[in-house]
Protein backbone atom coordinates (compact mmCIF):
# COMPACT_ATOMS: atom_id res chain seq x y z
CA MET A 1 123.97 75.46 91.48
CA ARG A 2 126.72 75.80 93.61
CA ASP A 3 126.78 73.34 96.87
CA THR A 4 125.85 75.62 99.54
CA ALA A 5 128.99 74.75 101.40
CA GLU A 6 130.58 76.31 99.23
CA ILE A 7 132.66 79.73 100.06
CA PRO A 8 130.22 82.50 99.01
CA GLY A 9 131.61 84.77 96.51
CA PRO A 10 130.30 87.69 94.68
CA PRO A 11 128.76 86.86 91.06
CA PRO A 12 130.84 88.43 88.11
CA SER A 13 129.12 91.51 86.40
CA ALA A 14 126.53 91.21 84.23
CA PRO A 15 124.02 93.59 82.14
CA ALA A 16 121.14 94.85 83.88
CA ALA A 17 119.39 92.56 81.37
CA ALA A 18 121.33 89.42 82.55
CA ILE A 19 121.45 89.98 86.15
CA ASN A 20 119.25 87.25 88.03
CA PRO A 21 119.33 87.19 91.63
CA LEU A 22 117.67 83.42 91.34
CA ASN A 23 121.08 82.22 89.78
CA LEU A 24 123.04 82.97 92.92
CA PRO A 25 124.63 80.52 94.75
CA ASP A 26 122.93 79.35 97.77
CA ALA A 27 125.87 80.64 99.91
CA THR A 28 126.14 83.87 98.87
CA LYS A 29 122.11 84.31 98.88
CA TYR A 30 122.08 83.32 102.58
CA LEU A 31 125.14 85.45 103.16
CA ILE A 32 123.46 89.01 101.48
CA PHE A 33 120.01 87.96 103.31
CA ALA A 34 121.71 87.61 106.60
CA VAL A 35 124.05 91.15 105.92
CA MET A 36 120.50 93.27 104.85
CA ALA A 37 118.36 91.70 107.48
CA PHE A 38 120.79 92.51 109.97
CA GLY A 39 121.37 95.76 108.62
CA GLN A 40 117.33 95.75 109.34
CA PHE A 41 117.79 95.00 112.96
CA MET A 42 120.15 97.58 113.59
CA ALA A 43 118.09 100.22 112.35
CA LEU A 44 115.29 99.19 113.80
CA ILE A 45 116.49 98.60 117.32
CA ASP A 46 117.84 101.93 117.57
CA ILE A 47 114.49 103.72 117.66
CA GLN A 48 113.66 101.78 121.29
CA ILE A 49 117.13 102.15 122.20
CA VAL A 50 117.32 105.95 122.33
CA ALA A 51 113.23 105.88 123.11
CA ALA A 52 114.76 104.53 126.76
CA SER A 53 117.79 106.71 127.08
CA LEU A 54 115.86 110.39 126.19
CA ASN A 55 116.09 111.63 129.75
CA ASP A 56 120.22 110.80 130.78
CA VAL A 57 120.26 112.30 126.91
CA GLN A 58 117.91 115.24 128.45
CA ALA A 59 120.44 115.70 131.47
CA GLY A 60 123.70 115.42 129.19
CA LEU A 61 122.82 117.92 126.71
CA SER A 62 120.67 120.49 129.08
CA ALA A 63 117.64 120.55 127.17
CA GLY A 64 114.14 121.17 127.89
CA PRO A 65 111.42 118.78 127.59
CA ASP A 66 110.40 119.82 124.58
CA GLU A 67 113.11 119.77 122.93
CA ILE A 68 114.24 116.52 124.05
CA SER A 69 110.74 115.00 122.17
CA TRP A 70 112.33 115.98 118.74
CA VAL A 71 115.26 113.46 119.26
CA GLN A 72 113.04 110.90 117.97
CA THR A 73 109.98 113.07 116.32
CA GLY A 74 112.85 114.10 113.85
CA TYR A 75 114.19 110.77 113.84
CA LEU A 76 110.49 109.08 112.54
CA MET A 77 109.82 112.01 110.57
CA ALA A 78 112.79 111.54 107.92
CA GLU A 79 112.55 107.98 108.46
CA LEU A 80 108.72 107.77 107.27
CA VAL A 81 109.99 109.95 103.68
CA MET A 82 112.47 107.56 102.95
CA ILE A 83 110.70 103.99 103.12
CA PRO A 84 108.41 104.38 100.33
CA PHE A 85 111.15 106.46 98.09
CA ALA A 86 113.90 103.55 99.29
CA ALA A 87 111.95 101.71 96.42
CA PHE A 88 113.04 104.68 93.62
CA LEU A 89 116.72 104.71 94.74
CA ALA A 90 117.24 100.95 94.65
CA GLN A 91 116.07 101.11 91.30
CA ALA A 92 118.35 103.91 90.35
CA LEU A 93 121.44 103.26 92.47
CA SER A 94 121.27 99.34 92.10
CA THR A 95 119.91 97.35 95.75
CA ARG A 96 123.96 96.92 96.28
CA TRP A 97 124.83 100.96 96.27
CA LEU A 98 122.06 102.10 98.05
CA PHE A 99 121.95 99.47 100.67
CA ALA A 100 125.89 100.19 101.58
CA LEU A 101 125.00 103.83 101.79
CA SER A 102 122.56 103.57 103.76
CA ALA A 103 124.21 101.48 105.95
CA GLY A 104 127.45 103.51 105.57
CA LEU A 105 125.57 107.00 106.20
CA PHE A 106 123.94 105.10 109.34
CA THR A 107 126.97 104.41 111.18
CA LEU A 108 128.95 108.24 110.32
CA SER A 109 125.15 109.50 111.53
CA SER A 110 125.32 107.54 114.90
CA ALA A 111 129.01 108.43 115.34
CA LEU A 112 127.97 112.28 115.09
CA CYS A 113 124.85 112.09 117.32
CA GLY A 114 127.56 110.34 120.30
CA MET A 115 129.93 113.24 119.34
CA ALA A 116 126.70 115.52 119.88
CA TRP A 117 127.38 118.49 121.54
CA ASP A 118 124.16 120.58 122.09
CA ILE A 119 120.57 120.11 121.79
CA ASN A 120 120.41 121.36 118.23
CA SER A 121 123.13 118.91 116.56
CA MET A 122 121.98 116.21 118.11
CA ILE A 123 118.27 116.89 116.56
CA LEU A 124 119.99 117.47 112.81
CA PHE A 125 122.14 114.49 113.18
CA ARG A 126 119.12 112.27 114.14
CA VAL A 127 116.98 113.59 111.29
CA ILE A 128 120.15 112.55 109.09
CA GLN A 129 120.46 109.03 110.76
CA GLY A 130 116.66 108.39 110.40
CA PHE A 131 116.42 109.23 106.29
CA VAL A 132 119.62 107.07 105.72
CA GLY A 133 118.57 104.55 107.67
CA GLY A 134 115.16 104.03 106.35
CA ALA A 135 116.48 102.81 103.33
CA MET A 136 117.37 99.35 104.80
CA VAL A 137 113.98 98.91 106.17
CA PRO A 138 112.27 97.50 102.85
CA THR A 139 114.46 96.89 100.34
CA VAL A 140 115.49 93.59 102.61
CA PHE A 141 111.97 92.59 101.84
CA ALA A 142 112.34 93.03 97.99
CA THR A 143 115.55 91.15 97.95
CA GLY A 144 114.40 88.49 99.83
CA PHE A 145 111.54 87.89 97.79
CA ALA A 146 113.08 88.13 94.70
CA MET A 147 116.23 85.75 96.03
CA PHE A 148 114.85 82.78 97.34
CA GLU A 149 111.81 80.70 96.27
CA GLY A 150 110.22 77.62 97.30
CA LYS A 151 110.97 76.59 101.11
CA GLN A 152 113.14 79.34 101.12
CA ARG A 153 111.10 82.16 100.35
CA ALA A 154 108.79 80.98 103.32
CA MET A 155 110.93 81.79 106.15
CA ILE A 156 111.62 85.39 104.76
CA PRO A 157 108.80 87.20 105.81
CA ALA A 158 109.03 85.01 109.24
CA ILE A 159 112.45 85.76 109.70
CA LEU A 160 112.18 89.59 108.75
CA GLY A 161 108.94 89.89 110.76
CA MET A 162 110.83 88.16 113.79
CA VAL A 163 113.54 91.10 113.22
CA SER A 164 110.77 93.71 112.96
CA VAL A 165 109.09 92.76 116.05
CA LEU A 166 112.05 91.57 118.60
CA ALA A 167 113.84 95.16 117.79
CA PRO A 168 111.34 97.24 119.60
CA THR A 169 111.12 94.30 122.45
CA LEU A 170 114.28 94.45 122.99
CA GLY A 171 115.47 98.02 122.47
CA PRO A 172 114.40 99.33 125.75
CA THR A 173 116.22 97.00 127.64
CA VAL A 174 119.27 97.05 125.68
CA GLY A 175 118.90 101.12 125.74
CA GLY A 176 118.60 101.07 129.34
CA TRP A 177 121.59 98.78 130.13
CA LEU A 178 124.11 100.37 128.11
CA THR A 179 123.38 103.96 129.48
CA ASP A 180 123.93 102.41 133.20
CA ALA A 181 127.23 100.34 131.89
CA ALA A 182 128.41 103.15 130.17
CA GLY A 183 126.75 106.38 129.54
CA TRP A 184 124.53 107.91 127.24
CA ARG A 185 126.30 108.52 124.56
CA TRP A 186 127.12 104.73 123.91
CA ILE A 187 123.41 104.04 122.57
CA PHE A 188 124.81 105.55 119.35
CA TYR A 189 128.50 104.56 119.36
CA ILE A 190 127.08 100.92 119.56
CA ASN A 191 126.14 100.74 115.94
CA ILE A 192 130.14 102.20 114.25
CA VAL A 193 131.33 98.68 114.73
CA PRO A 194 128.77 96.63 113.39
CA GLY A 195 127.62 99.23 110.84
CA ILE A 196 130.86 99.16 109.24
CA ILE A 197 130.83 96.13 108.66
CA VAL A 198 127.75 95.57 107.44
CA THR A 199 128.91 98.68 104.63
CA LEU A 200 131.89 96.72 103.79
CA LEU A 201 129.81 93.17 103.12
CA ALA A 202 127.13 95.49 101.19
CA VAL A 203 129.40 96.23 98.87
CA ARG A 204 131.53 93.39 98.46
CA PHE A 205 128.51 90.65 98.01
CA ILE A 206 125.02 92.62 97.12
CA ARG A 207 124.84 92.06 93.13
CA VAL A 208 121.52 91.36 92.45
CA ASP A 209 120.71 94.01 90.15
CA ALA A 210 122.07 97.05 88.06
CA PRO A 211 121.94 100.75 88.59
CA LYS A 212 119.44 102.71 86.35
CA LEU A 213 121.66 106.39 86.62
CA SER A 214 119.18 107.85 84.00
CA MET A 215 116.16 107.91 86.51
CA LEU A 216 117.98 110.21 88.29
CA LYS A 217 117.50 112.93 85.85
CA THR A 218 113.61 112.19 86.02
CA ILE A 219 113.07 112.78 89.23
CA ASP A 220 109.88 114.45 90.40
CA TYR A 221 111.32 116.72 92.73
CA SER A 222 107.91 118.33 94.19
CA HIS A 223 106.51 115.26 93.93
CA LEU A 224 109.00 114.09 96.80
CA ALA A 225 108.73 117.38 98.36
CA ALA A 226 105.02 116.84 98.01
CA MET A 227 105.61 113.22 100.30
CA ALA A 228 108.46 114.27 102.86
CA VAL A 229 105.50 117.19 104.20
CA PHE A 230 102.74 115.19 103.93
CA LEU A 231 104.37 112.28 106.04
CA GLY A 232 106.30 114.43 107.58
CA GLY A 233 103.62 116.66 109.54
CA LEU A 234 101.48 113.71 109.90
CA GLU A 235 104.31 112.11 111.87
CA TYR A 236 104.95 115.10 113.78
CA VAL A 237 100.61 115.46 114.30
CA LEU A 238 101.04 112.29 115.70
CA GLU A 239 103.78 112.70 117.57
CA GLU A 240 103.29 115.39 119.32
CA GLY A 241 99.26 115.45 119.70
CA PRO A 242 98.91 113.60 122.57
CA ARG A 243 101.74 116.13 124.07
CA HIS A 244 100.02 119.40 123.33
CA ASP A 245 95.95 118.82 123.50
CA TRP A 246 96.25 117.70 119.91
CA PHE A 247 94.51 120.69 117.36
CA GLY A 248 94.55 123.04 120.89
CA GLU A 249 98.36 123.59 119.72
CA PRO A 250 98.67 125.94 116.96
CA SER A 251 101.64 123.88 115.88
CA ILE A 252 100.10 121.11 115.76
CA THR A 253 97.29 122.18 113.65
CA ILE A 254 99.15 123.99 111.17
CA ALA A 255 101.47 121.10 110.50
CA ALA A 256 98.28 118.94 110.39
CA TRP A 257 97.17 121.55 107.63
CA LEU A 258 100.18 121.62 105.44
CA SER A 259 99.94 117.11 105.70
CA PHE A 260 96.67 117.60 103.91
CA VAL A 261 97.78 120.10 101.29
CA GLY A 262 101.19 117.73 100.61
CA LEU A 263 98.79 114.57 100.79
CA LEU A 264 96.93 116.48 98.00
CA LEU A 265 99.89 117.11 95.75
CA PHE A 266 101.70 113.93 96.52
CA LEU A 267 98.31 112.15 94.71
CA GLU A 268 98.20 114.44 91.68
CA ARG A 269 102.21 114.56 91.06
CA SER A 270 101.54 110.17 91.51
CA PHE A 271 98.74 110.02 88.92
CA ASN A 272 100.59 113.00 86.67
CA SER A 273 104.47 112.87 86.68
CA GLY A 274 106.56 111.85 84.56
CA GLY A 275 108.97 110.56 86.97
CA PRO A 276 107.16 110.15 90.68
CA VAL A 277 109.27 108.85 93.30
CA VAL A 278 106.55 106.47 94.37
CA ARG A 279 104.21 104.48 92.08
CA LEU A 280 100.73 103.36 93.61
CA SER A 281 100.13 100.91 91.21
CA PRO A 282 100.37 97.62 93.52
CA PHE A 283 97.13 99.57 94.74
CA ARG A 284 95.42 98.29 92.18
CA ARG A 285 95.67 94.46 93.47
CA PRO A 286 92.71 94.80 95.72
CA THR A 287 94.71 91.66 97.95
CA PHE A 288 97.37 94.19 98.23
CA VAL A 289 95.20 97.23 99.85
CA PHE A 290 93.68 94.79 102.13
CA ALA A 291 97.45 93.00 103.06
CA CYS A 292 98.19 96.83 103.80
CA VAL A 293 95.36 97.88 106.24
CA PHE A 294 96.28 94.14 108.00
CA ASN A 295 99.42 95.84 108.16
CA LEU A 296 98.12 98.91 109.25
CA VAL A 297 96.31 97.23 112.27
CA ILE A 298 99.65 94.81 113.25
CA GLY A 299 101.62 97.82 113.92
CA PHE A 300 98.82 99.18 115.60
CA GLY A 301 98.80 96.79 118.23
CA LEU A 302 102.33 95.35 117.67
CA TYR A 303 103.69 99.34 118.69
CA SER A 304 101.46 100.28 120.95
CA ALA A 305 101.26 96.64 123.56
CA THR A 306 105.08 97.39 123.29
CA TYR A 307 104.96 100.44 124.64
CA LEU A 308 102.01 100.10 127.14
CA ILE A 309 103.51 97.40 128.79
CA PRO A 310 106.39 99.11 130.11
CA VAL A 311 104.54 102.02 130.87
CA PHE A 312 102.18 100.11 133.08
CA LEU A 313 105.39 98.55 134.99
CA GLY A 314 107.10 101.49 135.37
CA ARG A 315 104.11 103.55 136.34
CA VAL A 316 102.03 101.45 138.25
CA ARG A 317 104.36 98.92 139.64
CA GLY A 318 107.56 101.03 140.11
CA TYR A 319 109.57 98.39 138.46
CA ASN A 320 112.86 99.69 136.95
CA SER A 321 114.40 99.45 133.36
CA GLN A 322 115.78 96.09 134.07
CA GLU A 323 112.50 94.28 136.00
CA ILE A 324 110.87 95.54 132.99
CA GLY A 325 113.04 94.26 130.60
CA THR A 326 112.96 90.60 132.54
CA THR A 327 109.19 90.58 132.40
CA VAL A 328 108.85 91.94 128.20
CA VAL A 329 111.76 89.26 127.10
CA VAL A 330 109.01 86.70 127.32
CA THR A 331 107.50 87.80 124.24
CA GLY A 332 110.48 88.01 122.56
CA VAL A 333 111.47 84.27 123.32
CA ALA A 334 107.82 83.41 122.00
CA GLN A 335 108.46 85.36 118.75
CA ILE A 336 111.83 83.51 118.10
CA LEU A 337 109.94 79.70 118.94
CA SER A 338 106.86 80.96 116.51
CA VAL A 339 108.88 81.69 113.50
CA VAL A 340 110.08 78.17 112.03
CA ILE A 341 106.08 77.24 112.66
CA ALA A 342 104.80 80.48 111.23
CA ALA A 343 107.26 79.87 107.92
CA ARG A 344 105.95 75.90 107.91
CA LEU A 345 102.20 76.95 108.29
CA SER A 346 102.61 79.34 105.46
CA GLN A 347 103.61 76.47 102.91
CA ARG A 348 100.72 74.12 104.10
CA VAL A 349 97.67 76.34 105.13
CA ASP A 350 95.78 79.26 103.40
CA PRO A 351 97.19 82.52 104.56
CA ARG A 352 93.44 83.53 104.63
CA ILE A 353 93.42 80.78 107.64
CA LEU A 354 96.65 81.83 109.06
CA ILE A 355 95.68 85.64 109.30
CA THR A 356 92.23 84.46 110.91
CA VAL A 357 94.06 82.37 113.42
CA GLY A 358 96.58 85.34 113.84
CA LEU A 359 94.56 88.26 114.63
CA SER A 360 92.04 85.87 116.93
CA ALA A 361 94.76 85.29 119.00
CA PHE A 362 96.22 88.68 118.96
CA ALA A 363 92.58 89.81 120.25
CA SER A 364 92.90 87.15 122.76
CA SER A 365 96.04 88.14 124.66
CA LEU A 366 95.05 91.51 124.24
CA PHE A 367 91.90 91.08 126.17
CA LEU A 368 93.52 88.90 128.69
CA THR A 369 96.13 91.95 129.64
CA SER A 370 92.78 94.00 130.18
CA HIS A 371 92.13 92.09 133.43
CA LEU A 372 95.20 93.79 134.99
CA THR A 373 95.58 94.84 138.80
CA PRO A 374 98.07 97.31 140.40
CA GLU A 375 100.04 93.72 141.51
CA TRP A 376 100.64 92.66 137.97
CA GLY A 377 104.14 91.84 137.33
CA PHE A 378 106.30 88.99 135.66
CA HIS A 379 104.13 85.91 136.25
CA ALA A 380 100.50 87.08 135.54
CA LEU A 381 101.62 88.69 132.13
CA LEU A 382 103.17 85.61 131.48
CA TRP A 383 101.04 84.00 129.47
CA PRO A 384 99.10 86.82 127.64
CA GLN A 385 102.59 88.01 126.77
CA ALA A 386 103.51 84.53 125.48
CA LEU A 387 100.46 84.10 123.85
CA ARG A 388 101.05 87.98 121.83
CA GLY A 389 104.64 86.93 120.72
CA PHE A 390 103.46 83.81 119.24
CA ALA A 391 100.00 85.49 117.46
CA ILE A 392 102.34 88.54 115.96
CA MET A 393 104.09 85.99 114.02
CA LEU A 394 100.75 84.00 112.60
CA CYS A 395 100.06 87.79 111.67
CA ILE A 396 102.91 89.26 109.86
CA VAL A 397 103.87 86.18 107.91
CA PRO A 398 100.71 85.98 105.96
CA SER A 399 100.38 89.84 105.77
CA VAL A 400 103.36 89.56 103.84
CA ASN A 401 102.86 86.69 101.23
CA LEU A 402 99.53 88.53 100.71
CA ALA A 403 101.01 91.49 99.69
CA LEU A 404 104.15 90.97 98.57
CA SER A 405 103.80 87.86 95.79
CA GLY A 406 103.49 87.63 92.19
CA PHE A 407 105.19 91.30 91.69
CA ALA A 408 107.74 92.15 89.26
CA MET A 409 111.41 93.03 90.71
CA ALA A 410 110.56 96.74 89.88
CA GLU A 411 106.94 96.82 91.42
CA LEU A 412 107.78 94.55 94.34
CA ARG A 413 109.92 97.87 95.83
CA TYR A 414 107.74 100.15 95.54
CA ALA A 415 104.73 97.14 96.95
CA SER A 416 107.34 97.01 99.75
CA GLY A 417 107.87 100.26 100.49
CA LEU A 418 104.34 101.14 100.75
CA PHE A 419 103.68 97.76 102.69
CA ASN A 420 106.23 98.86 105.51
CA LEU A 421 104.68 102.08 105.02
CA MET A 422 101.83 101.01 106.67
CA ARG A 423 103.34 99.52 109.89
CA ASN A 424 105.25 102.10 110.85
CA LEU A 425 102.34 104.49 110.35
CA GLY A 426 100.22 102.33 112.68
CA GLY A 427 102.86 102.32 115.28
CA ALA A 428 102.59 105.83 115.02
CA ILE A 429 99.08 105.87 115.31
CA GLY A 430 98.67 103.32 117.82
CA ILE A 431 101.05 105.18 120.11
CA ALA A 432 99.09 108.60 119.65
CA VAL A 433 95.99 107.41 120.10
CA VAL A 434 96.39 104.79 123.19
CA ASN A 435 98.25 108.00 124.51
CA THR A 436 95.08 109.89 124.08
CA TRP A 437 92.70 106.46 125.65
CA LEU A 438 94.99 106.23 128.37
CA GLY A 439 95.49 109.88 129.75
CA ASP A 440 91.17 110.02 128.99
CA ASN A 441 90.20 107.19 130.46
CA THR A 442 92.35 108.25 134.07
CA ARG A 443 90.91 111.16 134.21
CA ILE A 444 87.29 109.94 133.75
CA HIS A 445 88.15 106.72 136.63
CA VAL A 446 89.42 109.80 138.89
CA ALA A 447 86.62 111.55 138.58
CA ARG A 448 84.21 108.41 139.25
CA MET A 449 86.29 107.50 142.20
CA GLY A 450 85.93 110.45 143.77
CA GLU A 451 82.35 110.26 143.16
CA SER A 452 82.09 107.51 144.57
CA LEU A 453 83.82 108.35 148.13
CA GLY A 454 81.83 111.44 147.84
CA GLU A 455 78.69 108.93 147.75
CA ALA A 456 80.17 106.60 150.48
CA GLY A 457 79.60 109.14 153.71
CA ARG A 458 81.92 108.81 156.38
CA VAL A 459 84.14 105.78 154.21
CA ALA A 460 86.81 107.97 152.89
CA PRO A 461 87.55 110.90 156.19
CA ASP A 462 87.42 107.53 158.26
CA PHE A 463 90.24 106.00 156.12
CA VAL A 464 92.09 109.30 156.00
CA ALA A 465 91.78 109.60 159.78
CA ALA A 466 92.88 106.26 160.94
CA LEU A 467 95.70 106.04 158.33
CA ALA A 468 96.65 110.02 159.90
CA ALA A 469 97.06 108.24 163.12
CA ARG A 470 99.06 105.76 162.08
CA ILE A 471 101.43 108.26 160.53
CA GLY A 472 100.84 110.74 163.39
CA GLN A 473 102.82 107.92 165.44
CA LEU A 474 105.71 108.62 163.53
CA THR A 475 105.65 112.17 163.33
CA PRO A 476 104.36 114.93 166.10
CA ASP A 477 102.69 117.33 163.80
CA PRO A 478 99.10 116.57 163.20
CA ALA A 479 98.61 118.93 160.10
CA HIS A 480 102.10 116.93 158.37
CA ALA A 481 100.46 113.80 159.13
CA ALA A 482 96.76 114.38 157.84
CA LEU A 483 98.25 116.03 154.49
CA LEU A 484 100.68 112.75 154.33
CA ALA A 485 97.97 110.45 154.59
CA GLN A 486 95.47 112.66 152.20
CA GLY A 487 98.70 111.62 149.64
CA GLU A 488 98.53 108.17 150.10
CA LEU A 489 94.99 108.02 149.73
CA ALA A 490 95.38 110.28 146.00
CA LYS A 491 98.22 107.52 145.34
CA VAL A 492 95.98 104.65 145.92
CA ILE A 493 93.26 106.33 143.97
CA GLY A 494 95.88 107.42 141.47
CA ARG A 495 96.76 103.74 140.67
CA ALA A 496 93.93 102.59 140.47
CA ALA A 497 92.63 104.67 138.03
CA THR A 498 95.11 104.47 135.92
CA THR A 499 95.21 100.51 135.80
CA LEU A 500 91.84 100.38 134.75
CA ALA A 501 92.75 103.21 131.71
CA PHE A 502 95.49 100.64 130.83
CA ASN A 503 92.23 97.43 131.10
CA ASP A 504 90.18 99.77 128.90
CA VAL A 505 93.09 100.53 126.10
CA PHE A 506 94.10 97.07 126.24
CA ARG A 507 90.71 96.24 125.65
CA LEU A 508 89.61 98.73 122.87
CA MET A 509 92.56 97.25 121.51
CA SER A 510 91.83 93.93 121.17
CA TRP A 511 88.13 95.19 119.15
CA ILE A 512 89.71 96.67 116.71
CA PHE A 513 92.04 93.24 115.44
CA LEU A 514 88.74 91.37 115.88
CA ALA A 515 86.85 94.11 113.48
CA ALA A 516 89.99 93.39 111.21
CA LEU A 517 89.08 89.92 111.14
CA ILE A 518 85.92 90.99 108.43
CA MET A 519 88.30 91.97 105.53
CA VAL A 520 89.99 88.13 105.79
CA PRO A 521 87.24 86.43 103.26
CA PHE A 522 87.85 89.25 100.68
CA CYS A 523 91.45 88.63 99.94
CA LYS A 524 92.57 86.80 97.31
CA PRO A 525 96.00 85.41 97.06
CA ALA A 526 98.26 85.56 94.51
CA PRO A 527 98.78 82.31 92.21
CA GLN A 528 102.11 80.82 93.83
CA THR A 529 104.65 81.26 91.60
CA SER A 530 108.68 80.12 91.88
CA ALA A 531 110.08 83.62 91.85
CA PRO A 532 108.59 87.45 91.24
CA PRO A 533 108.24 87.38 87.29
CA PRO A 534 111.66 89.63 85.73
CA ASP A 535 111.46 92.96 85.35
CA ALA A 536 111.42 94.22 81.78
CA HIS A 537 114.30 95.94 80.38
């Protein structure tokens, strides 16, 4: 094996049976992994960058509120379909060409999004962007596990976990800054230069397996269509449900039924098809099943907490995008600092112990956050956010190891796709659920406060009268002063009710993480091996 200081270069071409990613020079491995990890980061951060600037995109394209939501919904639906499909394509096209095509088409579709002339063209380009970009996420997990062994492999889930959680943390800040500094189109143009570099480096250096083009002739298109209807319909229900009273909206009911039918057909084709696009064989391992449930819970907490804190700071505290970014960056810093610690502990400590500590610490951080007041800002949120940032790495690293250890390369690809799908589903479910909880609990607290004020005799009217008298010093119209005073009281009640609702949601989320601990004793880690077993040829 060459020294790591040697200039990396692609290994000579070899037949499928001779290609072994473990035999690559260390410098080449690191370069391949860095290129793929950056591509994954680019795909993940794009979601949050665009989410932070949707209002500007809406104004720029003269779109309606219902239309603009499809800019995100379309992307997420398409990405969710590609993540499990990427394992099949990686085998058929090879990791090299799948990743290069994914990065290249993601870059092209980003440029097209920046040049969109109306909302319909934007939605079309975003669907393409989500579909092609989704292949980068699971591919890097499988390739990292295949290339490295021992201490090197211990860093893979830590680094990729950091990328997965850092992207949604930094996304809103970067999106807000880009939009303010250069305009909303640059949230898409920013991908062009790094995307071209990633594409060219992928073509030049990623040589870890050989293509099996014959697989493309055996693809079961009914299986692919069923998966697309199932996952796309599910994502639509989760994205649009909280905004449209769930099944009170006919389109959501129809999407839910189509998704259910798609699931049944998907399962039937998974077991009976001669060329399934997704193999469910990893689920034969109980520990993989538990790890996927852990990842579902982790995605629920990660994306929900990342979503809720900025909403609280904007809605209750009135922070602008820069102030929100400064406040939430604490979580990202803690995540970076915990990467090495989590990686080293994963080599010395039973993953069941590590994930127990991680889930408990994450639950504790959510419980600490459930004591919000309308005055909470950077300093009050500092330690709960720091604890959450540290805890998430202690959750992700052992869950990745539990899920992906011991699989052969072909099955490792499918396991990686299914495992990453769980985190995305957890995030989609989490944001939909917490939005529903937040709205319902806010209405409950407003009603209770109204009842309390009614039972308090003259307290509320006296307060309004006193406030109206003070406002009356600024305006000569008593009726206008009384109206302004009532409006101020409504704002106070609204802020208090919203804050209590946030506390309820964080408390419920902490209980979900504690409930996940029940599964830990049933996990049996796979025996530690130096490398995934090779594929059969």
